[in-house]
Amino acid sequence: MGLVDPIIDKYLGAGSESLNEHELVMVCVWMLEAEVNNGGFNQFFWNSAGDISIETVASLHKIGASKTASIVEAANANFGEMVHLKTEKFVNRNLRRLRKVEF
């Protein structure tokens, strides 16, 4: 079992409110990398990682990954207030908009 596994389990079982600051950073960065590398932003927003997309931006800034934070922030801006709405049509439409954004 890796270092992050128990923390991911804690998040999945009790939510982000159960994590301390360092654990939240670890979960956000880990889940972003895992989801985007496996299925792109489609998968990131569709799965539970999308539920902490706002916290992911802050976490990326905390570790000095400002360029990646700006990419996630642009993705969040395309999803707007409805970042947690998970319909395939909504996710795909907004991801198409994101592909047109220059970074």
N, C-alpha and C. Protein backbone atom coordinates (compact mmCIF):
# COMPACT_ATOMS: atom_id res chain seq x y z
N MET A 1 0.84 -1.18 0.00
CA MET A 1 0.00 0.00 0.00
C MET A 1 0.89 1.24 0.00
N GLY A 2 0.60 2.15 -0.91
CA GLY A 2 1.39 3.36 -1.01
C GLY A 2 1.01 4.40 0.02
N LEU A 3 1.81 5.42 0.09
CA LEU A 3 1.61 6.51 1.05
C LEU A 3 0.26 7.21 0.84
N VAL A 4 -0.13 7.39 -0.40
CA VAL A 4 -1.33 8.16 -0.69
C VAL A 4 -2.63 7.34 -0.56
N ASP A 5 -2.54 6.02 -0.66
CA ASP A 5 -3.74 5.18 -0.65
C ASP A 5 -4.65 5.39 0.56
N PRO A 6 -4.12 5.40 1.79
CA PRO A 6 -5.02 5.61 2.93
C PRO A 6 -5.67 7.00 2.92
N ILE A 7 -4.97 7.98 2.39
CA ILE A 7 -5.52 9.34 2.34
C ILE A 7 -6.61 9.43 1.28
N ILE A 8 -6.40 8.78 0.15
CA ILE A 8 -7.44 8.72 -0.89
C ILE A 8 -8.67 8.00 -0.33
N ASP A 9 -8.45 6.90 0.37
CA ASP A 9 -9.57 6.17 0.98
C ASP A 9 -10.33 7.05 1.98
N LYS A 10 -9.60 7.82 2.76
CA LYS A 10 -10.22 8.74 3.73
C LYS A 10 -11.08 9.76 2.99
N TYR A 11 -10.55 10.32 1.90
CA TYR A 11 -11.31 11.29 1.11
C TYR A 11 -12.57 10.66 0.51
N LEU A 12 -12.40 9.50 -0.09
CA LEU A 12 -13.54 8.83 -0.73
C LEU A 12 -14.60 8.42 0.28
N GLY A 13 -14.17 8.10 1.50
CA GLY A 13 -15.11 7.67 2.52
C GLY A 13 -15.78 8.79 3.28
N ALA A 14 -15.04 9.88 3.52
CA ALA A 14 -15.57 10.93 4.40
C ALA A 14 -15.54 12.32 3.78
N GLY A 15 -15.08 12.45 2.56
CA GLY A 15 -15.08 13.75 1.89
C GLY A 15 -13.86 14.61 2.18
N SER A 16 -13.76 15.68 1.45
CA SER A 16 -12.59 16.56 1.57
C SER A 16 -12.53 17.27 2.93
N GLU A 17 -13.68 17.44 3.60
CA GLU A 17 -13.70 18.09 4.90
C GLU A 17 -12.95 17.28 5.96
N SER A 18 -12.77 15.99 5.70
CA SER A 18 -12.09 15.13 6.67
C SER A 18 -10.57 15.22 6.57
N LEU A 19 -10.07 15.92 5.57
CA LEU A 19 -8.63 15.98 5.32
C LEU A 19 -8.02 17.24 5.92
N ASN A 20 -6.77 17.11 6.39
CA ASN A 20 -6.05 18.31 6.79
C ASN A 20 -5.48 18.98 5.53
N GLU A 21 -4.87 20.12 5.68
CA GLU A 21 -4.39 20.90 4.53
C GLU A 21 -3.43 20.09 3.64
N HIS A 22 -2.49 19.40 4.26
CA HIS A 22 -1.49 18.65 3.49
C HIS A 22 -2.12 17.44 2.78
N GLU A 23 -3.04 16.79 3.46
CA GLU A 23 -3.74 15.67 2.84
C GLU A 23 -4.57 16.12 1.64
N LEU A 24 -5.22 17.28 1.78
CA LEU A 24 -6.04 17.79 0.68
C LEU A 24 -5.17 18.10 -0.54
N VAL A 25 -4.02 18.71 -0.32
CA VAL A 25 -3.10 18.98 -1.43
C VAL A 25 -2.70 17.67 -2.11
N MET A 26 -2.35 16.69 -1.32
CA MET A 26 -1.94 15.40 -1.87
C MET A 26 -3.07 14.76 -2.69
N VAL A 27 -4.28 14.76 -2.16
CA VAL A 27 -5.42 14.16 -2.86
C VAL A 27 -5.70 14.92 -4.16
N CYS A 28 -5.74 16.24 -4.09
CA CYS A 28 -6.05 17.03 -5.27
C CYS A 28 -5.05 16.78 -6.40
N VAL A 29 -3.78 16.85 -6.08
CA VAL A 29 -2.74 16.68 -7.10
C VAL A 29 -2.74 15.25 -7.63
N TRP A 30 -2.87 14.29 -6.73
CA TRP A 30 -2.87 12.88 -7.11
C TRP A 30 -4.05 12.57 -8.05
N MET A 31 -5.23 13.04 -7.65
CA MET A 31 -6.42 12.72 -8.44
C MET A 31 -6.41 13.45 -9.79
N LEU A 32 -5.92 14.67 -9.82
CA LEU A 32 -5.80 15.39 -11.10
C LEU A 32 -4.90 14.60 -12.04
N GLU A 33 -3.73 14.24 -11.57
CA GLU A 33 -2.78 13.51 -12.41
C GLU A 33 -3.37 12.16 -12.86
N ALA A 34 -3.94 11.44 -11.94
CA ALA A 34 -4.49 10.12 -12.26
C ALA A 34 -5.62 10.21 -13.28
N GLU A 35 -6.56 11.11 -13.06
CA GLU A 35 -7.72 11.20 -13.93
C GLU A 35 -7.36 11.77 -15.30
N VAL A 36 -6.60 12.85 -15.34
CA VAL A 36 -6.26 13.47 -16.62
C VAL A 36 -5.35 12.55 -17.44
N ASN A 37 -4.39 11.91 -16.80
CA ASN A 37 -3.52 10.99 -17.54
C ASN A 37 -4.26 9.76 -18.04
N ASN A 38 -5.30 9.37 -17.34
CA ASN A 38 -6.05 8.17 -17.73
C ASN A 38 -7.14 8.46 -18.76
N GLY A 39 -7.82 9.61 -18.63
CA GLY A 39 -8.94 9.86 -19.52
C GLY A 39 -9.16 11.32 -19.87
N GLY A 40 -8.18 12.16 -19.58
CA GLY A 40 -8.31 13.58 -19.90
C GLY A 40 -9.20 14.31 -18.91
N PHE A 41 -9.46 15.57 -19.23
CA PHE A 41 -10.32 16.37 -18.37
C PHE A 41 -11.75 15.83 -18.36
N ASN A 42 -12.14 15.13 -19.42
CA ASN A 42 -13.46 14.49 -19.40
C ASN A 42 -13.59 13.63 -18.16
N GLN A 43 -12.60 12.78 -17.94
CA GLN A 43 -12.64 11.86 -16.81
C GLN A 43 -12.49 12.61 -15.49
N PHE A 44 -11.63 13.61 -15.46
CA PHE A 44 -11.42 14.40 -14.23
C PHE A 44 -12.74 14.99 -13.74
N PHE A 45 -13.48 15.66 -14.64
CA PHE A 45 -14.72 16.31 -14.22
C PHE A 45 -15.85 15.33 -14.02
N TRP A 46 -15.85 14.26 -14.76
CA TRP A 46 -16.94 13.28 -14.64
C TRP A 46 -16.86 12.53 -13.32
N ASN A 47 -15.65 12.17 -12.90
CA ASN A 47 -15.45 11.39 -11.67
C ASN A 47 -15.39 12.31 -10.45
N SER A 48 -15.19 11.72 -9.30
CA SER A 48 -15.22 12.49 -8.04
C SER A 48 -14.12 13.54 -7.96
N ALA A 49 -13.07 13.42 -8.74
CA ALA A 49 -12.00 14.43 -8.72
C ALA A 49 -12.55 15.80 -9.10
N GLY A 50 -13.53 15.82 -9.99
CA GLY A 50 -14.15 17.08 -10.38
C GLY A 50 -14.83 17.80 -9.24
N ASP A 51 -15.21 17.06 -8.22
CA ASP A 51 -15.86 17.66 -7.05
C ASP A 51 -14.92 18.57 -6.27
N ILE A 52 -13.62 18.37 -6.45
CA ILE A 52 -12.64 19.20 -5.74
C ILE A 52 -11.79 20.00 -6.73
N SER A 53 -12.38 20.35 -7.86
CA SER A 53 -11.62 21.07 -8.89
C SER A 53 -11.20 22.47 -8.43
N ILE A 54 -12.01 23.12 -7.61
CA ILE A 54 -11.64 24.44 -7.09
C ILE A 54 -10.46 24.30 -6.13
N GLU A 55 -10.53 23.32 -5.24
CA GLU A 55 -9.45 23.07 -4.29
C GLU A 55 -8.17 22.62 -5.01
N THR A 56 -8.33 21.98 -6.16
CA THR A 56 -7.17 21.52 -6.93
C THR A 56 -6.34 22.71 -7.41
N VAL A 57 -6.99 23.78 -7.84
CA VAL A 57 -6.26 24.98 -8.27
C VAL A 57 -5.41 25.51 -7.13
N ALA A 58 -6.00 25.67 -5.95
CA ALA A 58 -5.25 26.17 -4.79
C ALA A 58 -4.12 25.23 -4.42
N SER A 59 -4.37 23.93 -4.50
CA SER A 59 -3.34 22.94 -4.16
C SER A 59 -2.16 23.02 -5.12
N LEU A 60 -2.45 23.20 -6.39
CA LEU A 60 -1.37 23.32 -7.38
C LEU A 60 -0.53 24.56 -7.14
N HIS A 61 -1.17 25.66 -6.77
CA HIS A 61 -0.40 26.87 -6.43
C HIS A 61 0.49 26.62 -5.21
N LYS A 62 -0.02 25.88 -4.24
CA LYS A 62 0.75 25.61 -3.02
C LYS A 62 2.03 24.83 -3.29
N ILE A 63 2.02 23.99 -4.33
CA ILE A 63 3.23 23.21 -4.64
C ILE A 63 4.05 23.86 -5.75
N GLY A 64 3.66 25.05 -6.16
CA GLY A 64 4.42 25.78 -7.17
C GLY A 64 4.12 25.39 -8.61
N ALA A 65 3.02 24.71 -8.85
CA ALA A 65 2.64 24.28 -10.20
C ALA A 65 1.64 25.28 -10.80
N SER A 66 2.11 26.52 -10.94
CA SER A 66 1.22 27.61 -11.35
C SER A 66 0.68 27.44 -12.76
N LYS A 67 1.49 26.93 -13.68
CA LYS A 67 1.01 26.75 -15.06
C LYS A 67 -0.11 25.71 -15.09
N THR A 68 0.07 24.61 -14.40
CA THR A 68 -0.97 23.59 -14.33
C THR A 68 -2.21 24.15 -13.63
N ALA A 69 -1.99 24.95 -12.59
CA ALA A 69 -3.12 25.58 -11.89
C ALA A 69 -3.91 26.45 -12.85
N SER A 70 -3.23 27.18 -13.74
CA SER A 70 -3.95 28.04 -14.67
C SER A 70 -4.75 27.23 -15.69
N ILE A 71 -4.26 26.05 -16.04
CA ILE A 71 -5.00 25.18 -16.96
C ILE A 71 -6.27 24.68 -16.28
N VAL A 72 -6.14 24.23 -15.04
CA VAL A 72 -7.32 23.74 -14.30
C VAL A 72 -8.28 24.90 -14.04
N GLU A 73 -7.75 26.07 -13.76
CA GLU A 73 -8.59 27.24 -13.53
C GLU A 73 -9.39 27.58 -14.80
N ALA A 74 -8.75 27.48 -15.96
CA ALA A 74 -9.46 27.73 -17.22
C ALA A 74 -10.55 26.69 -17.44
N ALA A 75 -10.26 25.46 -17.10
CA ALA A 75 -11.27 24.41 -17.21
C ALA A 75 -12.44 24.70 -16.27
N ASN A 76 -12.13 25.10 -15.05
CA ASN A 76 -13.18 25.45 -14.09
C ASN A 76 -14.02 26.62 -14.59
N ALA A 77 -13.37 27.60 -15.21
CA ALA A 77 -14.10 28.77 -15.72
C ALA A 77 -15.08 28.36 -16.81
N ASN A 78 -14.71 27.39 -17.60
CA ASN A 78 -15.62 26.92 -18.65
C ASN A 78 -16.81 26.19 -18.07
N PHE A 79 -16.63 25.61 -16.91
CA PHE A 79 -17.73 24.91 -16.27
C PHE A 79 -18.53 25.84 -15.37
N GLY A 80 -17.95 26.98 -15.02
CA GLY A 80 -18.65 28.00 -14.26
C GLY A 80 -19.17 27.49 -12.93
N GLU A 81 -20.28 28.05 -12.51
CA GLU A 81 -20.90 27.71 -11.24
C GLU A 81 -21.38 26.26 -11.21
N MET A 82 -21.52 25.66 -12.36
CA MET A 82 -22.11 24.33 -12.44
C MET A 82 -21.04 23.25 -12.55
N VAL A 83 -19.88 23.49 -11.95
CA VAL A 83 -18.75 22.57 -12.08
C VAL A 83 -19.09 21.15 -11.59
N HIS A 84 -20.08 21.03 -10.73
CA HIS A 84 -20.43 19.72 -10.19
C HIS A 84 -21.57 19.04 -10.93
N LEU A 85 -22.13 19.71 -11.93
CA LEU A 85 -23.19 19.10 -12.73
C LEU A 85 -22.58 18.06 -13.64
N LYS A 86 -23.03 16.83 -13.54
CA LYS A 86 -22.36 15.76 -14.25
C LYS A 86 -23.29 15.07 -15.23
N THR A 87 -23.55 15.75 -16.32
CA THR A 87 -24.22 15.09 -17.42
C THR A 87 -23.20 15.02 -18.54
N GLU A 88 -23.21 13.95 -19.26
CA GLU A 88 -22.22 13.76 -20.32
C GLU A 88 -22.27 14.90 -21.34
N LYS A 89 -23.46 15.32 -21.72
CA LYS A 89 -23.61 16.39 -22.69
C LYS A 89 -22.98 17.69 -22.18
N PHE A 90 -23.24 18.03 -20.92
CA PHE A 90 -22.70 19.25 -20.32
C PHE A 90 -21.18 19.19 -20.25
N VAL A 91 -20.64 18.07 -19.79
CA VAL A 91 -19.19 17.91 -19.67
C VAL A 91 -18.54 18.03 -21.04
N ASN A 92 -19.03 17.32 -22.02
CA ASN A 92 -18.41 17.33 -23.34
C ASN A 92 -18.50 18.69 -24.01
N ARG A 93 -19.63 19.38 -23.88
CA ARG A 93 -19.79 20.70 -24.49
C ARG A 93 -18.76 21.67 -23.91
N ASN A 94 -18.58 21.66 -22.61
CA ASN A 94 -17.64 22.58 -21.99
C ASN A 94 -16.19 22.19 -22.23
N LEU A 95 -15.91 20.93 -22.37
CA LEU A 95 -14.55 20.51 -22.69
C LEU A 95 -14.18 20.91 -24.12
N ARG A 96 -15.13 20.90 -25.03
CA ARG A 96 -14.87 21.37 -26.39
C ARG A 96 -14.48 22.85 -26.36
N ARG A 97 -15.15 23.64 -25.53
CA ARG A 97 -14.79 25.05 -25.38
C ARG A 97 -13.38 25.19 -24.83
N LEU A 98 -13.02 24.37 -23.87
CA LEU A 98 -11.70 24.43 -23.24
C LEU A 98 -10.60 24.14 -24.25
N ARG A 99 -10.82 23.24 -25.18
CA ARG A 99 -9.80 22.91 -26.17
C ARG A 99 -9.40 24.11 -27.02
N LYS A 100 -10.26 25.11 -27.08
CA LYS A 100 -9.99 26.30 -27.88
C LYS A 100 -9.21 27.36 -27.11
N VAL A 101 -9.01 27.17 -25.80
CA VAL A 101 -8.34 28.16 -24.97
C VAL A 101 -6.84 28.09 -25.18
N GLU A 102 -6.21 29.24 -25.33
CA GLU A 102 -4.75 29.33 -25.45
C GLU A 102 -4.15 29.47 -24.06
N PHE A 103 -3.10 28.69 -23.77
CA PHE A 103 -2.43 28.79 -22.48
C PHE A 103 -1.07 29.38 -22.65
